All heavy atoms as atom14 arrays in JSON, in Angstrom:
{
  "sequence": "LTISEETTEEEIEYLIEAVQDAVSYLRSMSPVWR",
  "atom14_mask": [
    [1, 1, 1, 1, 1, 1, 1, 1, 0, 0, 0, 0, 0, 0],
    [1, 1, 1, 1, 1, 1, 1, 0, 0, 0, 0, 0, 0, 0],
    [1, 1, 1, 1, 1, 1, 1, 1, 0, 0, 0, 0, 0, 0],
    [1, 1, 1, 1, 1, 1, 0, 0, 0, 0, 0, 0, 0, 0],
    [1, 1, 1, 1, 1, 1, 1, 1, 1, 0, 0, 0, 0, 0],
    [1, 1, 1, 1, 1, 1, 1, 1, 1, 0, 0, 0, 0, 0],
    [1, 1, 1, 1, 1, 1, 1, 0, 0, 0, 0, 0, 0, 0],
    [1, 1, 1, 1, 1, 1, 1, 0, 0, 0, 0, 0, 0, 0],
    [1, 1, 1, 1, 1, 1, 1, 1, 1, 0, 0, 0, 0, 0],
    [1, 1, 1, 1, 1, 1, 1, 1, 1, 0, 0, 0, 0, 0],
    [1, 1, 1, 1, 1, 1, 1, 1, 1, 0, 0, 0, 0, 0],
    [1, 1, 1, 1, 1, 1, 1, 1, 0, 0, 0, 0, 0, 0],
    [1, 1, 1, 1, 1, 1, 1, 1, 1, 0, 0, 0, 0, 0],
    [1, 1, 1, 1, 1, 1, 1, 1, 1, 1, 1, 1, 0, 0],
    [1, 1, 1, 1, 1, 1, 1, 1, 0, 0, 0, 0, 0, 0],
    [1, 1, 1, 1, 1, 1, 1, 1, 0, 0, 0, 0, 0, 0],
    [1, 1, 1, 1, 1, 1, 1, 1, 1, 0, 0, 0, 0, 0],
    [1, 1, 1, 1, 1, 0, 0, 0, 0, 0, 0, 0, 0, 0],
    [1, 1, 1, 1, 1, 1, 1, 0, 0, 0, 0, 0, 0, 0],
    [1, 1, 1, 1, 1, 1, 1, 1, 1, 0, 0, 0, 0, 0],
    [1, 1, 1, 1, 1, 1, 1, 1, 0, 0, 0, 0, 0, 0],
    [1, 1, 1, 1, 1, 0, 0, 0, 0, 0, 0, 0, 0, 0],
    [1, 1, 1, 1, 1, 1, 1, 0, 0, 0, 0, 0, 0, 0],
    [1, 1, 1, 1, 1, 1, 0, 0, 0, 0, 0, 0, 0, 0],
    [1, 1, 1, 1, 1, 1, 1, 1, 1, 1, 1, 1, 0, 0],
    [1, 1, 1, 1, 1, 1, 1, 1, 0, 0, 0, 0, 0, 0],
    [1, 1, 1, 1, 1, 1, 1, 1, 1, 1, 1, 0, 0, 0],
    [1, 1, 1, 1, 1, 1, 0, 0, 0, 0, 0, 0, 0, 0],
    [1, 1, 1, 1, 1, 1, 1, 1, 0, 0, 0, 0, 0, 0],
    [1, 1, 1, 1, 1, 1, 0, 0, 0, 0, 0, 0, 0, 0],
    [1, 1, 1, 1, 1, 1, 1, 0, 0, 0, 0, 0, 0, 0],
    [1, 1, 1, 1, 1, 1, 1, 0, 0, 0, 0, 0, 0, 0],
    [1, 1, 1, 1, 1, 1, 1, 1, 1, 1, 1, 1, 1, 1],
    [1, 1, 1, 1, 1, 1, 1, 1, 1, 1, 1, 0, 0, 0]
  ],
  "atom14_positions": [
    [[-2.93, -6.23, 6.98], [-3.95, -6.44, 5.95], [-4.46, -7.86, 6.1], [-3.67, -8.81, 6.04], [-3.37, -6.23, 4.55], [-2.84, -4.82, 4.23], [-2.05, -4.83, 2.93], [-3.98, -3.82, 4.14], [0.0, 0.0, 0.0], [0.0, 0.0, 0.0], [0.0, 0.0, 0.0], [0.0, 0.0, 0.0], [0.0, 0.0, 0.0], [0.0, 0.0, 0.0]],
    [[-5.76, -8.03, 6.33], [-6.31, -9.37, 6.49], [-7.45, -9.55, 5.49], [-8.46, -8.85, 5.54], [-6.79, -9.6, 7.94], [-7.52, -8.47, 8.41], [-5.59, -9.83, 8.86], [0.0, 0.0, 0.0], [0.0, 0.0, 0.0], [0.0, 0.0, 0.0], [0.0, 0.0, 0.0], [0.0, 0.0, 0.0], [0.0, 0.0, 0.0], [0.0, 0.0, 0.0]],
    [[-7.24, -10.5, 4.59], [-8.16, -10.72, 3.47], [-9.05, -11.93, 3.74], [-8.84, -12.67, 4.7], [-7.37, -10.87, 2.15], [-6.42, -12.07, 2.25], [-6.6, -9.59, 1.84], [-5.66, -12.37, 0.97], [0.0, 0.0, 0.0], [0.0, 0.0, 0.0], [0.0, 0.0, 0.0], [0.0, 0.0, 0.0], [0.0, 0.0, 0.0], [0.0, 0.0, 0.0]],
    [[-10.03, -12.13, 2.85], [-10.97, -13.25, 3.02], [-11.19, -13.95, 1.69], [-10.63, -13.55, 0.66], [-12.31, -12.74, 3.57], [-13.07, -12.14, 2.53], [0.0, 0.0, 0.0], [0.0, 0.0, 0.0], [0.0, 0.0, 0.0], [0.0, 0.0, 0.0], [0.0, 0.0, 0.0], [0.0, 0.0, 0.0], [0.0, 0.0, 0.0], [0.0, 0.0, 0.0]],
    [[-12.06, -14.96, 1.71], [-12.37, -15.69, 0.49], [-13.12, -14.82, -0.52], [-13.24, -15.18, -1.69], [-13.17, -16.96, 0.8], [-14.48, -16.75, 1.52], [-14.34, -16.65, 3.02], [-13.19, -16.53, 3.52], [-15.37, -16.7, 3.7], [0.0, 0.0, 0.0], [0.0, 0.0, 0.0], [0.0, 0.0, 0.0], [0.0, 0.0, 0.0], [0.0, 0.0, 0.0]],
    [[-13.63, -13.67, -0.08], [-14.3, -12.76, -1.0], [-13.34, -11.79, -1.7], [-13.72, -11.11, -2.64], [-15.37, -11.95, -0.24], [-16.54, -12.8, 0.25], [-17.71, -11.96, 0.73], [-17.59, -10.71, 0.72], [-18.74, -12.54, 1.11], [0.0, 0.0, 0.0], [0.0, 0.0, 0.0], [0.0, 0.0, 0.0], [0.0, 0.0, 0.0], [0.0, 0.0, 0.0]],
    [[-12.1, -11.75, -1.24], [-11.1, -10.86, -1.85], [-10.75, -11.37, -3.25], [-10.6, -12.57, -3.46], [-9.83, -10.8, -0.98], [-10.19, -10.45, 0.36], [-8.85, -9.77, -1.52], [0.0, 0.0, 0.0], [0.0, 0.0, 0.0], [0.0, 0.0, 0.0], [0.0, 0.0, 0.0], [0.0, 0.0, 0.0], [0.0, 0.0, 0.0], [0.0, 0.0, 0.0]],
    [[-10.59, -10.44, -4.19], [-10.28, -10.81, -5.57], [-8.81, -10.54, -5.9], [-8.13, -9.79, -5.2], [-11.15, -10.02, -6.56], [-10.79, -8.62, -6.48], [-12.63, -10.18, -6.23], [0.0, 0.0, 0.0], [0.0, 0.0, 0.0], [0.0, 0.0, 0.0], [0.0, 0.0, 0.0], [0.0, 0.0, 0.0], [0.0, 0.0, 0.0], [0.0, 0.0, 0.0]],
    [[-8.35, -11.12, -7.01], [-6.98, -10.87, -7.46], [-6.79, -9.4, -7.82], [-5.72, -8.83, -7.56], [-6.67, -11.76, -8.68], [-6.61, -13.25, -8.36], [-6.3, -14.09, -9.58], [-5.94, -13.51, -10.63], [-6.4, -15.33, -9.49], [0.0, 0.0, 0.0], [0.0, 0.0, 0.0], [0.0, 0.0, 0.0], [0.0, 0.0, 0.0], [0.0, 0.0, 0.0]],
    [[-7.81, -8.79, -8.4], [-7.73, -7.37, -8.75], [-7.57, -6.5, -7.51], [-6.81, -5.52, -7.51], [-8.99, -6.95, -9.52], [-9.14, -7.55, -10.91], [-9.55, -9.03, -10.88], [-10.1, -9.5, -9.85], [-9.3, -9.72, -11.89], [0.0, 0.0, 0.0], [0.0, 0.0, 0.0], [0.0, 0.0, 0.0], [0.0, 0.0, 0.0], [0.0, 0.0, 0.0]],
    [[-8.26, -6.88, -6.45], [-8.13, -6.12, -5.2], [-6.74, -6.26, -4.6], [-6.2, -5.3, -4.04], [-9.2, -6.58, -4.21], [-10.61, -6.12, -4.57], [-11.67, -6.66, -3.64], [-11.49, -7.78, -3.09], [-12.7, -5.98, -3.47], [0.0, 0.0, 0.0], [0.0, 0.0, 0.0], [0.0, 0.0, 0.0], [0.0, 0.0, 0.0], [0.0, 0.0, 0.0]],
    [[-6.15, -7.44, -4.72], [-4.78, -7.65, -4.23], [-3.81, -6.73, -4.97], [-2.95, -6.06, -4.35], [-4.35, -9.12, -4.38], [-5.17, -10.03, -3.46], [-2.85, -9.28, -4.1], [-4.98, -9.79, -1.98], [0.0, 0.0, 0.0], [0.0, 0.0, 0.0], [0.0, 0.0, 0.0], [0.0, 0.0, 0.0], [0.0, 0.0, 0.0], [0.0, 0.0, 0.0]],
    [[-3.94, -6.64, -6.28], [-3.05, -5.76, -7.06], [-3.26, -4.3, -6.68], [-2.3, -3.53, -6.6], [-3.28, -5.98, -8.56], [-2.94, -7.38, -9.05], [-1.54, -7.84, -8.67], [-0.59, -7.02, -8.79], [-1.38, -9.01, -8.26], [0.0, 0.0, 0.0], [0.0, 0.0, 0.0], [0.0, 0.0, 0.0], [0.0, 0.0, 0.0], [0.0, 0.0, 0.0]],
    [[-4.5, -3.93, -6.44], [-4.79, -2.55, -6.02], [-4.17, -2.28, -4.65], [-3.59, -1.2, -4.41], [-6.3, -2.32, -5.96], [-6.66, -0.9, -5.58], [-6.78, 0.09, -6.56], [-6.89, -0.55, -4.25], [-7.11, 1.4, -6.21], [-7.22, 0.75, -3.89], [-7.33, 1.72, -4.87], [-7.64, 3.02, -4.52], [0.0, 0.0, 0.0], [0.0, 0.0, 0.0]],
    [[-4.28, -3.24, -3.73], [-3.69, -3.08, -2.41], [-2.18, -2.87, -2.49], [-1.62, -2.0, -1.81], [-3.99, -4.31, -1.53], [-5.41, -4.45, -0.97], [-5.59, -5.81, -0.32], [-5.7, -3.33, 0.04], [0.0, 0.0, 0.0], [0.0, 0.0, 0.0], [0.0, 0.0, 0.0], [0.0, 0.0, 0.0], [0.0, 0.0, 0.0], [0.0, 0.0, 0.0]],
    [[-1.52, -3.68, -3.31], [-0.06, -3.56, -3.46], [0.3, -2.16, -3.94], [1.17, -1.48, -3.36], [0.47, -4.63, -4.43], [0.33, -6.02, -3.8], [1.94, -4.36, -4.78], [0.59, -7.17, -4.77], [0.0, 0.0, 0.0], [0.0, 0.0, 0.0], [0.0, 0.0, 0.0], [0.0, 0.0, 0.0], [0.0, 0.0, 0.0], [0.0, 0.0, 0.0]],
    [[-0.37, -1.71, -4.98], [-0.07, -0.39, -5.54], [-0.39, 0.72, -4.55], [0.37, 1.69, -4.4], [-0.86, -0.19, -6.84], [-0.54, 1.12, -7.55], [-1.29, 1.28, -8.86], [-1.87, 0.28, -9.35], [-1.31, 2.4, -9.4], [0.0, 0.0, 0.0], [0.0, 0.0, 0.0], [0.0, 0.0, 0.0], [0.0, 0.0, 0.0], [0.0, 0.0, 0.0]],
    [[-1.52, 0.6, -3.85], [-1.93, 1.62, -2.9], [-0.92, 1.75, -1.75], [-0.57, 2.87, -1.35], [-3.32, 1.31, -2.35], [0.0, 0.0, 0.0], [0.0, 0.0, 0.0], [0.0, 0.0, 0.0], [0.0, 0.0, 0.0], [0.0, 0.0, 0.0], [0.0, 0.0, 0.0], [0.0, 0.0, 0.0], [0.0, 0.0, 0.0], [0.0, 0.0, 0.0]],
    [[-0.47, 0.62, -1.23], [0.49, 0.66, -0.12], [1.84, 1.19, -0.6], [2.47, 2.02, 0.07], [0.65, -0.74, 0.53], [1.74, -0.71, 1.59], [-0.68, -1.2, 1.14], [0.0, 0.0, 0.0], [0.0, 0.0, 0.0], [0.0, 0.0, 0.0], [0.0, 0.0, 0.0], [0.0, 0.0, 0.0], [0.0, 0.0, 0.0], [0.0, 0.0, 0.0]],
    [[2.3, 0.74, -1.76], [3.57, 1.23, -2.3], [3.54, 2.74, -2.48], [4.47, 3.44, -2.09], [3.87, 0.54, -3.63], [4.25, -0.93, -3.49], [4.46, -1.61, -4.85], [4.03, -1.1, -5.88], [5.09, -2.78, -4.83], [0.0, 0.0, 0.0], [0.0, 0.0, 0.0], [0.0, 0.0, 0.0], [0.0, 0.0, 0.0], [0.0, 0.0, 0.0]],
    [[2.45, 3.25, -3.04], [2.33, 4.7, -3.26], [2.26, 5.45, -1.94], [2.89, 6.52, -1.79], [1.06, 5.0, -4.08], [1.19, 4.56, -5.53], [2.31, 4.22, -5.95], [0.15, 4.54, -6.23], [0.0, 0.0, 0.0], [0.0, 0.0, 0.0], [0.0, 0.0, 0.0], [0.0, 0.0, 0.0], [0.0, 0.0, 0.0], [0.0, 0.0, 0.0]],
    [[1.51, 4.94, -0.99], [1.35, 5.62, 0.29], [2.66, 5.67, 1.07], [3.02, 6.71, 1.65], [0.26, 4.93, 1.12], [0.0, 0.0, 0.0], [0.0, 0.0, 0.0], [0.0, 0.0, 0.0], [0.0, 0.0, 0.0], [0.0, 0.0, 0.0], [0.0, 0.0, 0.0], [0.0, 0.0, 0.0], [0.0, 0.0, 0.0], [0.0, 0.0, 0.0]],
    [[3.38, 4.56, 1.09], [4.67, 4.53, 1.79], [5.64, 5.5, 1.14], [6.35, 6.26, 1.82], [5.25, 3.09, 1.81], [6.69, 3.1, 2.33], [4.39, 2.18, 2.69], [0.0, 0.0, 0.0], [0.0, 0.0, 0.0], [0.0, 0.0, 0.0], [0.0, 0.0, 0.0], [0.0, 0.0, 0.0], [0.0, 0.0, 0.0], [0.0, 0.0, 0.0]],
    [[5.7, 5.5, -0.18], [6.59, 6.41, -0.9], [6.25, 7.87, -0.6], [7.14, 8.69, -0.36], [6.48, 6.14, -2.41], [7.31, 7.02, -3.13], [0.0, 0.0, 0.0], [0.0, 0.0, 0.0], [0.0, 0.0, 0.0], [0.0, 0.0, 0.0], [0.0, 0.0, 0.0], [0.0, 0.0, 0.0], [0.0, 0.0, 0.0], [0.0, 0.0, 0.0]],
    [[4.97, 8.2, -0.59], [4.54, 9.57, -0.32], [4.91, 10.0, 1.1], [5.44, 11.1, 1.32], [3.04, 9.69, -0.54], [2.48, 11.04, -0.18], [2.65, 12.14, -1.02], [1.77, 11.23, 1.02], [2.15, 13.4, -0.69], [1.27, 12.47, 1.36], [1.46, 13.55, 0.5], [0.96, 14.78, 0.85], [0.0, 0.0, 0.0], [0.0, 0.0, 0.0]],
    [[4.65, 9.15, 2.07], [4.94, 9.49, 3.46], [6.45, 9.65, 3.69], [6.88, 10.56, 4.42], [4.39, 8.41, 4.4], [2.86, 8.37, 4.54], [2.43, 7.13, 5.31], [2.35, 9.63, 5.22], [0.0, 0.0, 0.0], [0.0, 0.0, 0.0], [0.0, 0.0, 0.0], [0.0, 0.0, 0.0], [0.0, 0.0, 0.0], [0.0, 0.0, 0.0]],
    [[7.23, 8.8, 3.05], [8.68, 8.92, 3.19], [9.21, 10.19, 2.54], [10.18, 10.79, 3.02], [9.36, 7.69, 2.59], [9.26, 6.44, 3.47], [9.81, 5.22, 2.78], [9.9, 4.07, 3.7], [10.25, 2.85, 3.32], [10.51, 2.58, 2.04], [10.32, 1.87, 4.22], [0.0, 0.0, 0.0], [0.0, 0.0, 0.0], [0.0, 0.0, 0.0]],
    [[8.55, 10.63, 1.47], [9.03, 11.82, 0.75], [8.97, 13.08, 1.6], [9.68, 14.06, 1.32], [8.2, 12.03, -0.52], [6.88, 12.48, -0.21], [0.0, 0.0, 0.0], [0.0, 0.0, 0.0], [0.0, 0.0, 0.0], [0.0, 0.0, 0.0], [0.0, 0.0, 0.0], [0.0, 0.0, 0.0], [0.0, 0.0, 0.0], [0.0, 0.0, 0.0]],
    [[8.13, 13.1, 2.63], [8.03, 14.29, 3.47], [8.42, 14.01, 4.92], [8.11, 14.78, 5.82], [6.61, 14.87, 3.41], [5.52, 13.92, 3.82], [3.9, 14.7, 3.64], [2.87, 13.49, 4.46], [0.0, 0.0, 0.0], [0.0, 0.0, 0.0], [0.0, 0.0, 0.0], [0.0, 0.0, 0.0], [0.0, 0.0, 0.0], [0.0, 0.0, 0.0]],
    [[9.11, 12.9, 5.15], [9.5, 12.51, 6.51], [10.94, 12.92, 6.82], [11.87, 12.47, 6.14], [9.36, 11.0, 6.69], [10.01, 10.56, 7.85], [0.0, 0.0, 0.0], [0.0, 0.0, 0.0], [0.0, 0.0, 0.0], [0.0, 0.0, 0.0], [0.0, 0.0, 0.0], [0.0, 0.0, 0.0], [0.0, 0.0, 0.0], [0.0, 0.0, 0.0]],
    [[11.17, 13.77, 7.82], [12.55, 14.11, 8.2], [13.32, 12.89, 8.72], [14.53, 12.8, 8.55], [12.36, 15.16, 9.31], [10.96, 15.0, 9.79], [10.17, 14.48, 8.63], [0.0, 0.0, 0.0], [0.0, 0.0, 0.0], [0.0, 0.0, 0.0], [0.0, 0.0, 0.0], [0.0, 0.0, 0.0], [0.0, 0.0, 0.0], [0.0, 0.0, 0.0]],
    [[12.6, 11.95, 9.33], [13.24, 10.72, 9.8], [13.8, 9.95, 8.61], [14.94, 9.46, 8.64], [12.23, 9.85, 10.58], [12.85, 8.49, 10.91], [11.78, 10.56, 11.84], [0.0, 0.0, 0.0], [0.0, 0.0, 0.0], [0.0, 0.0, 0.0], [0.0, 0.0, 0.0], [0.0, 0.0, 0.0], [0.0, 0.0, 0.0], [0.0, 0.0, 0.0]],
    [[12.99, 9.84, 7.55], [13.44, 9.12, 6.36], [14.62, 9.82, 5.7], [15.56, 9.17, 5.23], [12.29, 8.96, 5.38], [12.64, 8.17, 4.15], [12.78, 8.63, 2.88], [12.94, 6.77, 4.09], [13.13, 7.63, 2.03], [13.23, 6.46, 2.75], [12.97, 5.74, 5.04], [13.56, 5.18, 2.33], [13.29, 4.46, 4.62], [13.58, 4.19, 3.29]],
    [[14.61, 11.17, 5.68], [15.72, 11.93, 5.09], [17.02, 11.64, 5.83], [18.07, 11.47, 5.23], [15.41, 13.43, 5.11], [14.5, 13.89, 3.99], [14.59, 15.39, 3.77], [14.14, 16.14, 4.94], [12.86, 16.48, 5.16], [11.92, 16.13, 4.28], [12.52, 17.18, 6.23], [0.0, 0.0, 0.0], [0.0, 0.0, 0.0], [0.0, 0.0, 0.0]]
  ]
}
């Protein structure tokens, strides 16, 4: 993830939540993770 001076604090919080949710979802159906 590479941000710039145009990135906002709200976007950072959205990025954190989006990545956390995506990683959790992918792990939930991954046989490797199981």
